[in-house]
Amino acid sequence: MKISEVAKSMNLPISTIRYYEQIGIITDEYVLRDHNNYRIYASDIIRYLNVVKNCLAVGFSIQDIKSMISRNGMSKEEHVSLIESKIAEIEAAQQKLDESKQNLYDLLASDMTCEKGFGKY
């Protein structure tokens, strides 16, 4: 696949794909060069970039991802620990959102009026 095809199918700018290559997110195993020195990407780059996008979407940093894909970057136990830590962060955020939502419901239930200013009954 050409870089434009990868970019289109992943809904990513070409510059992002080049950046991922430059910093080592996209490794040499996914990129070949043709006789004109154009990039040709392996077909499994799409699956790989989907994993990268999903990791970014759940809050992993680029550095976390680089460490996870590095051959010597992390052990399996470290991968598991990092993922479990991210799950705990998400659960804490969900708890905080649930509490905020409940506070808003409590505010509605208090039948507070605002004619005299916010918080004045």
N, C-alpha and C. Protein backbone atom coordinates (compact mmCIF):
# COMPACT_ATOMS: atom_id res chain seq x y z
N MET A 1 0.84 -1.18 0.00
CA MET A 1 0.00 0.00 0.00
C MET A 1 0.89 1.24 0.00
N LYS A 2 0.44 2.26 -0.71
CA LYS A 2 1.13 3.54 -0.68
C LYS A 2 0.69 4.32 0.56
N ILE A 3 1.48 5.31 0.93
CA ILE A 3 1.19 6.08 2.13
C ILE A 3 -0.17 6.77 2.04
N SER A 4 -0.54 7.21 0.84
CA SER A 4 -1.84 7.88 0.69
C SER A 4 -2.98 6.89 0.92
N GLU A 5 -2.80 5.64 0.53
CA GLU A 5 -3.83 4.63 0.75
C GLU A 5 -3.98 4.31 2.24
N VAL A 6 -2.84 4.22 2.91
CA VAL A 6 -2.87 3.97 4.35
C VAL A 6 -3.55 5.14 5.07
N ALA A 7 -3.16 6.35 4.69
CA ALA A 7 -3.73 7.55 5.32
C ALA A 7 -5.24 7.59 5.12
N LYS A 8 -5.69 7.30 3.91
CA LYS A 8 -7.12 7.35 3.61
C LYS A 8 -7.87 6.27 4.38
N SER A 9 -7.36 5.06 4.39
CA SER A 9 -8.09 3.98 5.06
C SER A 9 -8.08 4.12 6.58
N MET A 10 -7.08 4.81 7.12
CA MET A 10 -7.00 5.00 8.56
C MET A 10 -7.56 6.35 9.01
N ASN A 11 -7.92 7.20 8.04
CA ASN A 11 -8.40 8.55 8.34
C ASN A 11 -7.35 9.32 9.17
N LEU A 12 -6.11 9.22 8.70
CA LEU A 12 -5.00 9.92 9.33
C LEU A 12 -4.31 10.80 8.29
N PRO A 13 -3.77 11.92 8.71
CA PRO A 13 -2.98 12.70 7.76
C PRO A 13 -1.68 11.96 7.42
N ILE A 14 -1.21 12.17 6.21
CA ILE A 14 0.06 11.56 5.80
C ILE A 14 1.18 11.99 6.75
N SER A 15 1.13 13.22 7.20
CA SER A 15 2.17 13.72 8.11
C SER A 15 2.21 12.91 9.41
N THR A 16 1.08 12.44 9.88
CA THR A 16 1.04 11.62 11.10
C THR A 16 1.73 10.29 10.86
N ILE A 17 1.47 9.70 9.72
CA ILE A 17 2.11 8.42 9.39
C ILE A 17 3.62 8.60 9.30
N ARG A 18 4.05 9.65 8.65
CA ARG A 18 5.50 9.95 8.58
C ARG A 18 6.09 10.18 9.97
N TYR A 19 5.34 10.91 10.80
CA TYR A 19 5.79 11.16 12.17
C TYR A 19 5.93 9.85 12.94
N TYR A 20 4.93 8.97 12.83
CA TYR A 20 5.00 7.68 13.50
C TYR A 20 6.23 6.89 13.05
N GLU A 21 6.57 6.98 11.78
CA GLU A 21 7.78 6.33 11.28
C GLU A 21 9.02 6.96 11.90
N GLN A 22 9.05 8.28 11.89
CA GLN A 22 10.20 9.03 12.37
C GLN A 22 10.52 8.71 13.84
N ILE A 23 9.48 8.58 14.67
CA ILE A 23 9.72 8.35 16.10
C ILE A 23 9.74 6.87 16.47
N GLY A 24 9.52 6.01 15.50
CA GLY A 24 9.63 4.58 15.76
C GLY A 24 8.35 3.86 16.11
N ILE A 25 7.20 4.54 16.02
CA ILE A 25 5.92 3.87 16.24
C ILE A 25 5.67 2.87 15.11
N ILE A 26 5.89 3.31 13.88
CA ILE A 26 5.83 2.40 12.73
C ILE A 26 7.25 1.91 12.50
N THR A 27 7.44 0.63 12.70
CA THR A 27 8.78 0.05 12.59
C THR A 27 9.06 -0.41 11.16
N ASP A 28 10.34 -0.71 10.90
CA ASP A 28 10.78 -1.09 9.57
C ASP A 28 10.07 -2.33 9.02
N GLU A 29 9.56 -3.17 9.90
CA GLU A 29 8.89 -4.38 9.42
C GLU A 29 7.62 -4.07 8.62
N TYR A 30 7.08 -2.86 8.77
CA TYR A 30 5.87 -2.48 8.06
C TYR A 30 6.13 -1.64 6.81
N VAL A 31 7.38 -1.22 6.60
CA VAL A 31 7.68 -0.29 5.51
C VAL A 31 8.79 -0.86 4.62
N LEU A 32 8.51 -0.86 3.33
CA LEU A 32 9.51 -1.21 2.32
C LEU A 32 9.66 -0.02 1.40
N ARG A 33 10.67 -0.02 0.58
CA ARG A 33 10.86 1.02 -0.43
C ARG A 33 10.86 0.35 -1.80
N ASP A 34 10.14 0.97 -2.74
CA ASP A 34 10.12 0.43 -4.10
C ASP A 34 11.32 0.96 -4.88
N HIS A 35 11.40 0.64 -6.17
CA HIS A 35 12.55 1.03 -6.99
C HIS A 35 12.67 2.55 -7.14
N ASN A 36 11.60 3.29 -6.91
CA ASN A 36 11.64 4.76 -6.94
C ASN A 36 11.84 5.36 -5.55
N ASN A 37 12.08 4.51 -4.57
CA ASN A 37 12.28 4.90 -3.18
C ASN A 37 11.00 5.40 -2.51
N TYR A 38 9.83 5.05 -3.07
CA TYR A 38 8.56 5.37 -2.42
C TYR A 38 8.28 4.34 -1.34
N ARG A 39 7.60 4.78 -0.30
CA ARG A 39 7.21 3.86 0.77
C ARG A 39 6.13 2.91 0.26
N ILE A 40 6.28 1.67 0.60
CA ILE A 40 5.25 0.66 0.37
C ILE A 40 5.01 -0.01 1.73
N TYR A 41 3.76 0.02 2.16
CA TYR A 41 3.43 -0.50 3.48
C TYR A 41 2.85 -1.91 3.38
N ALA A 42 3.23 -2.73 4.34
CA ALA A 42 2.68 -4.09 4.43
C ALA A 42 1.18 -3.98 4.71
N SER A 43 0.45 -4.97 4.26
CA SER A 43 -1.01 -4.94 4.41
C SER A 43 -1.45 -4.94 5.87
N ASP A 44 -0.65 -5.52 6.75
CA ASP A 44 -1.05 -5.56 8.16
C ASP A 44 -0.78 -4.25 8.90
N ILE A 45 -0.33 -3.22 8.19
CA ILE A 45 -0.15 -1.91 8.80
C ILE A 45 -1.48 -1.35 9.29
N ILE A 46 -2.56 -1.68 8.60
CA ILE A 46 -3.89 -1.18 8.99
C ILE A 46 -4.27 -1.72 10.36
N ARG A 47 -4.13 -3.00 10.55
CA ARG A 47 -4.45 -3.62 11.85
C ARG A 47 -3.56 -3.01 12.93
N TYR A 48 -2.29 -2.85 12.64
CA TYR A 48 -1.33 -2.31 13.57
C TYR A 48 -1.69 -0.86 13.96
N LEU A 49 -1.98 -0.04 12.97
CA LEU A 49 -2.33 1.35 13.25
C LEU A 49 -3.66 1.47 13.99
N ASN A 50 -4.57 0.53 13.78
CA ASN A 50 -5.80 0.52 14.56
C ASN A 50 -5.50 0.30 16.04
N VAL A 51 -4.55 -0.57 16.34
CA VAL A 51 -4.14 -0.79 17.73
C VAL A 51 -3.54 0.49 18.30
N VAL A 52 -2.68 1.15 17.52
CA VAL A 52 -2.08 2.41 17.97
C VAL A 52 -3.17 3.45 18.24
N LYS A 53 -4.11 3.61 17.29
CA LYS A 53 -5.19 4.58 17.48
C LYS A 53 -6.03 4.26 18.71
N ASN A 54 -6.31 2.98 18.93
CA ASN A 54 -7.09 2.59 20.11
C ASN A 54 -6.33 2.89 21.39
N CYS A 55 -5.03 2.64 21.40
CA CYS A 55 -4.22 2.97 22.58
C CYS A 55 -4.25 4.46 22.87
N LEU A 56 -4.11 5.27 21.84
CA LEU A 56 -4.17 6.72 22.02
C LEU A 56 -5.55 7.14 22.51
N ALA A 57 -6.60 6.51 21.98
CA ALA A 57 -7.97 6.88 22.34
C ALA A 57 -8.28 6.61 23.81
N VAL A 58 -7.65 5.59 24.39
CA VAL A 58 -7.93 5.29 25.79
C VAL A 58 -6.97 5.99 26.73
N GLY A 59 -6.08 6.82 26.18
CA GLY A 59 -5.27 7.66 27.04
C GLY A 59 -3.80 7.32 27.15
N PHE A 60 -3.33 6.31 26.42
CA PHE A 60 -1.91 6.03 26.45
C PHE A 60 -1.17 7.14 25.71
N SER A 61 0.01 7.48 26.19
CA SER A 61 0.83 8.49 25.52
C SER A 61 1.63 7.85 24.39
N ILE A 62 2.16 8.69 23.53
CA ILE A 62 3.03 8.19 22.46
C ILE A 62 4.21 7.45 23.08
N GLN A 63 4.75 7.99 24.17
CA GLN A 63 5.89 7.33 24.83
C GLN A 63 5.49 5.96 25.36
N ASP A 64 4.29 5.84 25.95
CA ASP A 64 3.81 4.53 26.41
C ASP A 64 3.77 3.55 25.25
N ILE A 65 3.24 4.00 24.13
CA ILE A 65 3.11 3.12 22.96
C ILE A 65 4.49 2.73 22.44
N LYS A 66 5.40 3.69 22.38
CA LYS A 66 6.76 3.38 21.93
C LYS A 66 7.39 2.33 22.84
N SER A 67 7.20 2.46 24.13
CA SER A 67 7.75 1.48 25.06
C SER A 67 7.11 0.11 24.88
N MET A 68 5.80 0.11 24.64
CA MET A 68 5.10 -1.17 24.48
C MET A 68 5.52 -1.91 23.22
N ILE A 69 5.84 -1.18 22.14
CA ILE A 69 6.17 -1.87 20.90
C ILE A 69 7.66 -2.16 20.76
N SER A 70 8.46 -1.52 21.59
CA SER A 70 9.90 -1.78 21.55
C SER A 70 10.16 -3.23 21.95
N ARG A 71 11.01 -3.88 21.21
CA ARG A 71 11.31 -5.29 21.49
C ARG A 71 11.86 -5.49 22.90
N ASN A 72 12.63 -4.55 23.38
CA ASN A 72 13.22 -4.66 24.71
C ASN A 72 12.65 -3.62 25.66
N GLY A 73 11.56 -2.98 25.27
CA GLY A 73 11.02 -1.88 26.06
C GLY A 73 10.31 -2.30 27.32
N MET A 74 9.52 -3.38 27.26
CA MET A 74 8.73 -3.78 28.42
C MET A 74 8.57 -5.29 28.43
N SER A 75 8.50 -5.81 29.62
CA SER A 75 8.18 -7.24 29.77
C SER A 75 6.66 -7.39 29.69
N LYS A 76 6.22 -8.62 29.59
CA LYS A 76 4.77 -8.88 29.57
C LYS A 76 4.13 -8.37 30.86
N GLU A 77 4.82 -8.57 31.98
CA GLU A 77 4.28 -8.12 33.27
C GLU A 77 4.14 -6.59 33.28
N GLU A 78 5.11 -5.89 32.69
CA GLU A 78 5.02 -4.43 32.62
C GLU A 78 3.87 -3.99 31.71
N HIS A 79 3.65 -4.71 30.59
CA HIS A 79 2.51 -4.42 29.72
C HIS A 79 1.21 -4.56 30.51
N VAL A 80 1.09 -5.68 31.20
CA VAL A 80 -0.13 -5.94 31.97
C VAL A 80 -0.32 -4.86 33.03
N SER A 81 0.75 -4.51 33.72
CA SER A 81 0.67 -3.48 34.75
C SER A 81 0.25 -2.13 34.18
N LEU A 82 0.81 -1.77 33.03
CA LEU A 82 0.46 -0.50 32.39
C LEU A 82 -1.01 -0.48 31.98
N ILE A 83 -1.49 -1.57 31.42
CA ILE A 83 -2.89 -1.65 31.00
C ILE A 83 -3.81 -1.63 32.22
N GLU A 84 -3.44 -2.38 33.26
CA GLU A 84 -4.26 -2.36 34.48
C GLU A 84 -4.29 -0.98 35.11
N SER A 85 -3.18 -0.28 35.05
CA SER A 85 -3.13 1.09 35.56
C SER A 85 -4.06 2.01 34.78
N LYS A 86 -4.09 1.84 33.46
CA LYS A 86 -4.97 2.64 32.62
C LYS A 86 -6.43 2.32 32.92
N ILE A 87 -6.74 1.05 33.14
CA ILE A 87 -8.10 0.65 33.51
C ILE A 87 -8.50 1.31 34.83
N ALA A 88 -7.58 1.34 35.80
CA ALA A 88 -7.87 1.97 37.09
C ALA A 88 -8.12 3.47 36.91
N GLU A 89 -7.34 4.13 36.04
CA GLU A 89 -7.56 5.55 35.76
C GLU A 89 -8.96 5.78 35.20
N ILE A 90 -9.35 4.94 34.25
CA ILE A 90 -10.66 5.08 33.62
C ILE A 90 -11.77 4.85 34.64
N GLU A 91 -11.60 3.83 35.48
CA GLU A 91 -12.61 3.56 36.51
C GLU A 91 -12.73 4.72 37.49
N ALA A 92 -11.61 5.32 37.85
CA ALA A 92 -11.63 6.48 38.76
C ALA A 92 -12.34 7.66 38.09
N ALA A 93 -12.07 7.87 36.81
CA ALA A 93 -12.74 8.95 36.09
C ALA A 93 -14.24 8.69 35.99
N GLN A 94 -14.62 7.42 35.75
CA GLN A 94 -16.04 7.08 35.70
C GLN A 94 -16.70 7.34 37.04
N GLN A 95 -16.03 6.98 38.13
CA GLN A 95 -16.57 7.21 39.47
C GLN A 95 -16.78 8.70 39.71
N LYS A 96 -15.79 9.50 39.31
CA LYS A 96 -15.90 10.94 39.50
C LYS A 96 -17.05 11.51 38.67
N LEU A 97 -17.23 11.03 37.45
CA LEU A 97 -18.35 11.48 36.62
C LEU A 97 -19.69 11.07 37.22
N ASP A 98 -19.76 9.84 37.75
CA ASP A 98 -20.99 9.38 38.40
C ASP A 98 -21.34 10.27 39.59
N GLU A 99 -20.32 10.64 40.38
CA GLU A 99 -20.55 11.51 41.52
C GLU A 99 -21.01 12.90 41.07
N SER A 100 -20.39 13.41 40.02
CA SER A 100 -20.79 14.72 39.49
C SER A 100 -22.23 14.68 38.99
N LYS A 101 -22.58 13.61 38.30
CA LYS A 101 -23.95 13.47 37.80
C LYS A 101 -24.93 13.42 38.97
N GLN A 102 -24.58 12.67 40.01
CA GLN A 102 -25.47 12.58 41.17
C GLN A 102 -25.61 13.94 41.84
N ASN A 103 -24.53 14.69 41.93
CA ASN A 103 -24.60 16.04 42.51
C ASN A 103 -25.54 16.93 41.71
N LEU A 104 -25.51 16.80 40.40
CA LEU A 104 -26.43 17.59 39.56
C LEU A 104 -27.88 17.16 39.78
N TYR A 105 -28.11 15.85 39.89
CA TYR A 105 -29.47 15.39 40.19
C TYR A 105 -29.93 15.92 41.55
N ASP A 106 -29.03 15.91 42.54
CA ASP A 106 -29.36 16.44 43.86
C ASP A 106 -29.69 17.93 43.79
N LEU A 107 -28.94 18.64 42.95
CA LEU A 107 -29.19 20.07 42.77
C LEU A 107 -30.58 20.29 42.16
N LEU A 108 -30.94 19.50 41.18
CA LEU A 108 -32.28 19.59 40.59
C LEU A 108 -33.35 19.27 41.62
N ALA A 109 -33.11 18.25 42.42
CA ALA A 109 -34.09 17.81 43.41
C ALA A 109 -34.26 18.83 44.55
N SER A 110 -33.29 19.68 44.75
CA SER A 110 -33.37 20.65 45.85
C SER A 110 -34.35 21.78 45.56
N ASP A 111 -34.86 21.83 44.34
CA ASP A 111 -35.85 22.84 43.94
C ASP A 111 -35.32 24.25 44.19
N MET A 112 -34.05 24.42 43.90
CA MET A 112 -33.41 25.72 44.09
C MET A 112 -33.89 26.67 43.00
N THR A 113 -34.16 27.89 43.40
CA THR A 113 -34.53 28.90 42.43
C THR A 113 -33.37 29.88 42.29
N CYS A 114 -33.31 30.52 41.16
CA CYS A 114 -32.18 31.42 40.90
C CYS A 114 -32.62 32.86 40.69
N GLU A 115 -33.85 33.18 41.00
CA GLU A 115 -34.33 34.54 40.77
C GLU A 115 -33.51 35.58 41.55
N LYS A 116 -33.04 35.20 42.73
CA LYS A 116 -32.28 36.13 43.56
C LYS A 116 -30.77 35.93 43.41
N GLY A 117 -30.38 35.11 42.46
CA GLY A 117 -28.96 34.81 42.22
C GLY A 117 -28.68 33.34 42.47
N PHE A 118 -27.69 32.86 41.86
CA PHE A 118 -27.37 31.43 41.96
C PHE A 118 -27.07 31.05 43.40
N GLY A 119 -27.69 29.98 43.85
CA GLY A 119 -27.47 29.47 45.19
C GLY A 119 -28.24 30.17 46.28
N LYS A 120 -29.07 31.17 45.90
CA LYS A 120 -29.86 31.90 46.89
C LYS A 120 -31.30 31.42 46.77
N TYR A 121 -31.89 31.06 47.90
CA TYR A 121 -33.25 30.53 47.89
C TYR A 121 -34.27 31.60 48.07
